[in-house]
Amino acid sequence: MAVIGLLWRFLLDANLGFVNHLLGLVGLPSDTPWVTATPWAWVSLVGVTVWWTCGFNAVIYLAGLQDIPAELYEAATVDGATAWDRFRHVTLPGLRPVLLFVVTTTILASANMFGQSYLITQGAPGNETRTVVSYIVERGLAQNDAGRAAAMSITLTLMLVLISVANFRIFRYQED
């Protein structure tokens, strides 16, 4: 995360960043404060996080797609299923475990996001992009309040466990 955070910090710099330079070349406003103004800082953090995790998720989905037997698609085609029907009745049910894994890990990783906001925006502007984990770290280390930071960590963990259980219930297989 350190390399990605520093790389994107330089790419998104309002004065010297390559992103603003490219925007200027195509005639768009080239003074966007990607890491220092409220809506753009969140756009930057979300964009970098999606870019960073997209490859991993794509590999997981590809492995899940390869695990679906080709005979199911052939049988659906013989039965007269359209492309949408094959997707809805063969692909999605076949990807259910993969969807569960990707959704759960993405939610857990998003809730535990620290490096992106710390390295790219340093919580700026003000504390607008400070995440829960960065607040816990600040409370425990900078303010020397380890007890409260530990309580917040346990609360966050319990909330994430509840969200994970809810994901497992939503994605569980139901017989027709």
C-alpha atoms as a PDB file:
ATOM      1  CA  MET A   1       0.000   0.000   0.000  1.00  0.00           C
ATOM      2  CA  ALA A   2       2.893   2.358   0.681  1.00  0.00           C
ATOM      3  CA  VAL A   3       4.113   2.341  -2.916  1.00  0.00           C
ATOM      4  CA  ILE A   4       0.608   2.750  -4.329  1.00  0.00           C
ATOM      5  CA  GLY A   5      -0.231   5.541  -1.881  1.00  0.00           C
ATOM      6  CA  LEU A   6       2.903   7.533  -2.626  1.00  0.00           C
ATOM      7  CA  LEU A   7       2.621   6.959  -6.364  1.00  0.00           C
ATOM      8  CA  TRP A   8      -0.966   8.217  -6.472  1.00  0.00           C
ATOM      9  CA  ARG A   9      -0.141  11.096  -4.116  1.00  0.00           C
ATOM     10  CA  PHE A  10       2.301  12.381  -6.741  1.00  0.00           C
ATOM     11  CA  LEU A  11       0.042  11.554  -9.705  1.00  0.00           C
ATOM     12  CA  LEU A  12      -2.885  13.426  -8.136  1.00  0.00           C
ATOM     13  CA  ASP A  13      -0.935  16.451  -6.925  1.00  0.00           C
ATOM     14  CA  ALA A  14      -2.868  19.610  -7.848  1.00  0.00           C
ATOM     15  CA  ASN A  15       0.205  21.497  -9.101  1.00  0.00           C
ATOM     16  CA  LEU A  16       2.586  18.912 -10.518  1.00  0.00           C
ATOM     17  CA  GLY A  17       0.408  15.823 -10.896  1.00  0.00           C
ATOM     18  CA  PHE A  18       0.262  13.857 -14.118  1.00  0.00           C
ATOM     19  CA  VAL A  19      -3.531  13.464 -13.919  1.00  0.00           C
ATOM     20  CA  ASN A  20      -4.113  17.232 -14.031  1.00  0.00           C
ATOM     21  CA  HIS A  21      -1.530  17.510 -16.807  1.00  0.00           C
ATOM     22  CA  LEU A  22      -3.448  14.956 -18.903  1.00  0.00           C
ATOM     23  CA  LEU A  23      -6.731  16.742 -18.204  1.00  0.00           C
ATOM     24  CA  GLY A  24      -5.157  19.993 -19.417  1.00  0.00           C
ATOM     25  CA  LEU A  25      -3.997  18.336 -22.635  1.00  0.00           C
ATOM     26  CA  VAL A  26      -7.549  17.317 -23.551  1.00  0.00           C
ATOM     27  CA  GLY A  27      -8.993  20.724 -22.722  1.00  0.00           C
ATOM     28  CA  LEU A  28     -10.549  19.923 -19.345  1.00  0.00           C
ATOM     29  CA  PRO A  29      -9.910  21.940 -16.163  1.00  0.00           C
ATOM     30  CA  SER A  30      -6.418  21.065 -14.972  1.00  0.00           C
ATOM     31  CA  ASP A  31      -6.526  22.567 -11.489  1.00  0.00           C
ATOM     32  CA  THR A  32      -8.610  19.917  -9.732  1.00  0.00           C
ATOM     33  CA  PRO A  33      -7.540  19.589  -6.077  1.00  0.00           C
ATOM     34  CA  TRP A  34      -7.640  15.773  -6.031  1.00  0.00           C
ATOM     35  CA  VAL A  35      -6.237  15.334  -2.524  1.00  0.00           C
ATOM     36  CA  THR A  36      -7.049  18.617  -0.799  1.00  0.00           C
ATOM     37  CA  ALA A  37     -10.746  19.369  -1.442  1.00  0.00           C
ATOM     38  CA  THR A  38     -13.689  17.451  -0.033  1.00  0.00           C
ATOM     39  CA  PRO A  39     -15.493  15.766  -2.909  1.00  0.00           C
ATOM     40  CA  TRP A  40     -12.330  15.190  -4.945  1.00  0.00           C
ATOM     41  CA  ALA A  41     -10.389  13.669  -2.059  1.00  0.00           C
ATOM     42  CA  TRP A  42     -13.038  10.970  -1.619  1.00  0.00           C
ATOM     43  CA  VAL A  43     -13.228  10.438  -5.378  1.00  0.00           C
ATOM     44  CA  SER A  44      -9.459   9.951  -5.379  1.00  0.00           C
ATOM     45  CA  LEU A  45      -9.497   7.517  -2.454  1.00  0.00           C
ATOM     46  CA  VAL A  46     -12.313   5.435  -3.911  1.00  0.00           C
ATOM     47  CA  GLY A  47     -10.765   5.474  -7.386  1.00  0.00           C
ATOM     48  CA  VAL A  48      -7.337   4.418  -6.135  1.00  0.00           C
ATOM     49  CA  THR A  49      -8.837   1.687  -3.966  1.00  0.00           C
ATOM     50  CA  VAL A  50     -10.927   0.316  -6.834  1.00  0.00           C
ATOM     51  CA  TRP A  51      -7.895   0.450  -9.145  1.00  0.00           C
ATOM     52  CA  TRP A  52      -5.765  -1.305  -6.532  1.00  0.00           C
ATOM     53  CA  THR A  53      -8.231  -4.137  -5.842  1.00  0.00           C
ATOM     54  CA  CYS A  54      -9.671  -4.600  -9.332  1.00  0.00           C
ATOM     55  CA  GLY A  55      -6.982  -7.001 -10.527  1.00  0.00           C
ATOM     56  CA  PHE A  56      -7.308  -9.310  -7.525  1.00  0.00           C
ATOM     57  CA  ASN A  57     -11.091  -9.413  -7.811  1.00  0.00           C
ATOM     58  CA  ALA A  58     -10.876 -10.042 -11.560  1.00  0.00           C
ATOM     59  CA  VAL A  59      -8.611 -13.058 -11.001  1.00  0.00           C
ATOM     60  CA  ILE A  60     -11.008 -14.429  -8.372  1.00  0.00           C
ATOM     61  CA  TYR A  61     -14.002 -13.980 -10.707  1.00  0.00           C
ATOM     62  CA  LEU A  62     -12.106 -15.579 -13.586  1.00  0.00           C
ATOM     63  CA  ALA A  63     -11.293 -18.601 -11.433  1.00  0.00           C
ATOM     64  CA  GLY A  64     -14.952 -18.811 -10.422  1.00  0.00           C
ATOM     65  CA  LEU A  65     -16.103 -18.627 -14.049  1.00  0.00           C
ATOM     66  CA  GLN A  66     -13.711 -21.410 -15.033  1.00  0.00           C
ATOM     67  CA  ASP A  67     -15.157 -23.574 -12.266  1.00  0.00           C
ATOM     68  CA  ILE A  68     -18.667 -23.513 -13.783  1.00  0.00           C
ATOM     69  CA  PRO A  69     -19.115 -26.664 -15.910  1.00  0.00           C
ATOM     70  CA  ALA A  70     -19.513 -25.993 -19.635  1.00  0.00           C
ATOM     71  CA  GLU A  71     -22.186 -28.707 -19.747  1.00  0.00           C
ATOM     72  CA  LEU A  72     -24.549 -26.431 -17.825  1.00  0.00           C
ATOM     73  CA  TYR A  73     -24.261 -23.757 -20.519  1.00  0.00           C
ATOM     74  CA  GLU A  74     -24.752 -26.346 -23.240  1.00  0.00           C
ATOM     75  CA  ALA A  75     -27.834 -27.756 -21.523  1.00  0.00           C
ATOM     76  CA  ALA A  76     -29.279 -24.263 -21.078  1.00  0.00           C
ATOM     77  CA  THR A  77     -28.663 -23.493 -24.766  1.00  0.00           C
ATOM     78  CA  VAL A  78     -30.333 -26.748 -25.830  1.00  0.00           C
ATOM     79  CA  ASP A  79     -33.304 -25.848 -23.616  1.00  0.00           C
ATOM     80  CA  GLY A  80     -33.616 -22.556 -25.510  1.00  0.00           C
ATOM     81  CA  ALA A  81     -32.191 -20.203 -22.888  1.00  0.00           C
ATOM     82  CA  THR A  82     -31.146 -16.759 -24.073  1.00  0.00           C
ATOM     83  CA  ALA A  83     -27.824 -15.210 -23.078  1.00  0.00           C
ATOM     84  CA  TRP A  84     -29.576 -13.363 -20.254  1.00  0.00           C
ATOM     85  CA  ASP A  85     -31.216 -16.594 -19.040  1.00  0.00           C
ATOM     86  CA  ARG A  86     -27.869 -18.427 -19.076  1.00  0.00           C
ATOM     87  CA  PHE A  87     -26.293 -15.599 -17.109  1.00  0.00           C
ATOM     88  CA  ARG A  88     -29.128 -15.462 -14.590  1.00  0.00           C
ATOM     89  CA  HIS A  89     -29.671 -19.185 -14.110  1.00  0.00           C
ATOM     90  CA  VAL A  90     -26.191 -20.644 -14.692  1.00  0.00           C
ATOM     91  CA  THR A  91     -23.488 -18.020 -14.211  1.00  0.00           C
ATOM     92  CA  LEU A  92     -24.819 -16.171 -11.159  1.00  0.00           C
ATOM     93  CA  PRO A  93     -25.639 -19.308  -9.151  1.00  0.00           C
ATOM     94  CA  GLY A  94     -22.239 -20.731 -10.102  1.00  0.00           C
ATOM     95  CA  LEU A  95     -20.529 -17.574  -8.906  1.00  0.00           C
ATOM     96  CA  ARG A  96     -22.418 -17.417  -5.596  1.00  0.00           C
ATOM     97  CA  PRO A  97     -19.426 -18.561  -3.469  1.00  0.00           C
ATOM     98  CA  VAL A  98     -17.124 -16.204  -5.348  1.00  0.00           C
ATOM     99  CA  LEU A  99     -19.544 -13.305  -4.908  1.00  0.00           C
ATOM    100  CA  LEU A 100     -19.727 -14.055  -1.196  1.00  0.00           C
ATOM    101  CA  PHE A 101     -15.946 -14.050  -0.911  1.00  0.00           C
ATOM    102  CA  VAL A 102     -15.411 -10.880  -2.944  1.00  0.00           C
ATOM    103  CA  VAL A 103     -18.224  -8.898  -1.294  1.00  0.00           C
ATOM    104  CA  THR A 104     -17.146  -9.927   2.210  1.00  0.00           C
ATOM    105  CA  THR A 105     -13.444  -9.237   1.693  1.00  0.00           C
ATOM    106  CA  THR A 106     -14.194  -5.913  -0.021  1.00  0.00           C
ATOM    107  CA  ILE A 107     -16.394  -4.775   2.859  1.00  0.00           C
ATOM    108  CA  LEU A 108     -13.804  -5.873   5.419  1.00  0.00           C
ATOM    109  CA  ALA A 109     -10.979  -4.188   3.531  1.00  0.00           C
ATOM    110  CA  SER A 110     -12.981  -0.976   3.109  1.00  0.00           C
ATOM    111  CA  ALA A 111     -13.812  -0.818   6.787  1.00  0.00           C
ATOM    112  CA  ASN A 112     -10.155  -1.351   7.657  1.00  0.00           C
ATOM    113  CA  MET A 113      -8.855   1.216   5.176  1.00  0.00           C
ATOM    114  CA  PHE A 114      -5.947   3.114   6.655  1.00  0.00           C
ATOM    115  CA  GLY A 115      -3.044   3.358   4.247  1.00  0.00           C
ATOM    116  CA  GLN A 116      -4.852   5.037   1.376  1.00  0.00           C
ATOM    117  CA  SER A 117      -6.195   7.963   3.369  1.00  0.00           C
ATOM    118  CA  TYR A 118      -3.048   8.308   5.456  1.00  0.00           C
ATOM    119  CA  LEU A 119      -0.644   8.330   2.521  1.00  0.00           C
ATOM    120  CA  ILE A 120      -2.706  10.052  -0.163  1.00  0.00           C
ATOM    121  CA  THR A 121      -4.655  12.736   1.713  1.00  0.00           C
ATOM    122  CA  GLN A 122      -3.298  12.611   5.304  1.00  0.00           C
ATOM    123  CA  GLY A 123      -6.953  12.932   6.365  1.00  0.00           C
ATOM    124  CA  ALA A 124      -7.242  16.270   4.543  1.00  0.00           C
ATOM    125  CA  PRO A 125      -9.102  18.506   4.088  1.00  0.00           C
ATOM    126  CA  GLY A 126      -9.346  18.914   7.825  1.00  0.00           C
ATOM    127  CA  ASN A 127     -10.359  15.455   8.982  1.00  0.00           C
ATOM    128  CA  GLU A 128     -12.845  14.796   6.174  1.00  0.00           C
ATOM    129  CA  THR A 129     -11.093  11.690   4.822  1.00  0.00           C
ATOM    130  CA  ARG A 130     -10.034  10.271   8.175  1.00  0.00           C
ATOM    131  CA  THR A 131     -11.225   6.674   8.447  1.00  0.00           C
ATOM    132  CA  VAL A 132     -12.335   4.725  11.499  1.00  0.00           C
ATOM    133  CA  VAL A 133      -9.036   2.873  11.696  1.00  0.00           C
ATOM    134  CA  SER A 134      -7.002   6.086  11.448  1.00  0.00           C
ATOM    135  CA  TYR A 135      -9.121   7.574  14.244  1.00  0.00           C
ATOM    136  CA  ILE A 136      -8.479   4.493  16.384  1.00  0.00           C
ATOM    137  CA  VAL A 137      -4.739   4.722  15.684  1.00  0.00           C
ATOM    138  CA  GLU A 138      -4.679   8.437  16.509  1.00  0.00           C
ATOM    139  CA  ARG A 139      -6.660   7.880  19.687  1.00  0.00           C
ATOM    140  CA  GLY A 140      -4.482   5.010  20.850  1.00  0.00           C
ATOM    141  CA  LEU A 141      -1.044   6.245  19.840  1.00  0.00           C
ATOM    142  CA  ALA A 142      -1.107  10.024  19.466  1.00  0.00           C
ATOM    143  CA  GLN A 143      -3.511  10.730  22.328  1.00  0.00           C
ATOM    144  CA  ASN A 144      -2.167   7.848  24.456  1.00  0.00           C
ATOM    145  CA  ASP A 145      -5.668   6.502  25.142  1.00  0.00           C
ATOM    146  CA  ALA A 146      -5.119   2.794  24.530  1.00  0.00           C
ATOM    147  CA  GLY A 147      -8.174   1.696  26.495  1.00  0.00           C
ATOM    148  CA  ARG A 148     -10.630   3.670  24.417  1.00  0.00           C
ATOM    149  CA  ALA A 149      -8.827   2.693  21.195  1.00  0.00           C
ATOM    150  CA  ALA A 150      -9.062  -0.974  22.192  1.00  0.00           C
ATOM    151  CA  ALA A 151     -12.784  -0.599  22.914  1.00  0.00           C
ATOM    152  CA  MET A 152     -13.322   1.053  19.519  1.00  0.00           C
ATOM    153  CA  SER A 153     -11.354  -1.753  17.845  1.00  0.00           C
ATOM    154  CA  ILE A 154     -13.483  -4.409  19.510  1.00  0.00           C
ATOM    155  CA  THR A 155     -16.657  -2.552  18.524  1.00  0.00           C
ATOM    156  CA  LEU A 156     -15.453  -2.324  14.913  1.00  0.00           C
ATOM    157  CA  THR A 157     -14.605  -6.029  14.942  1.00  0.00           C
ATOM    158  CA  LEU A 158     -18.049  -6.969  16.258  1.00  0.00           C
ATOM    159  CA  MET A 159     -19.741  -4.795  13.630  1.00  0.00           C
ATOM    160  CA  LEU A 160     -17.685  -6.433  10.879  1.00  0.00           C
ATOM    161  CA  VAL A 161     -18.534  -9.898  12.214  1.00  0.00           C
ATOM    162  CA  LEU A 162     -22.236  -8.990  12.078  1.00  0.00           C
ATOM    163  CA  ILE A 163     -21.868  -7.685   8.524  1.00  0.00           C
ATOM    164  CA  SER A 164     -20.044 -10.883   7.507  1.00  0.00           C
ATOM    165  CA  VAL A 165     -22.762 -13.056   9.038  1.00  0.00           C
ATOM    166  CA  ALA A 166     -25.371 -11.000   7.179  1.00  0.00           C
ATOM    167  CA  ASN A 167     -23.438 -11.559   3.921  1.00  0.00           C
ATOM    168  CA  PHE A 168     -23.369 -15.306   4.528  1.00  0.00           C
ATOM    169  CA  ARG A 169     -27.115 -15.311   5.137  1.00  0.00           C
ATOM    170  CA  ILE A 170     -27.821 -13.220   2.021  1.00  0.00           C
ATOM    171  CA  PHE A 171     -25.664 -15.400  -0.239  1.00  0.00           C
ATOM    172  CA  ARG A 172     -26.585 -18.809   1.165  1.00  0.00           C
ATOM    173  CA  TYR A 173     -27.902 -21.287  -1.330  1.00  0.00           C
ATOM    174  CA  GLN A 174     -31.658 -21.742  -1.292  1.00  0.00           C
ATOM    175  CA  GLU A 175     -33.268 -24.773  -2.870  1.00  0.00           C
ATOM    176  CA  ASP A 176     -36.181 -24.037  -5.199  1.00  0.00           C
END
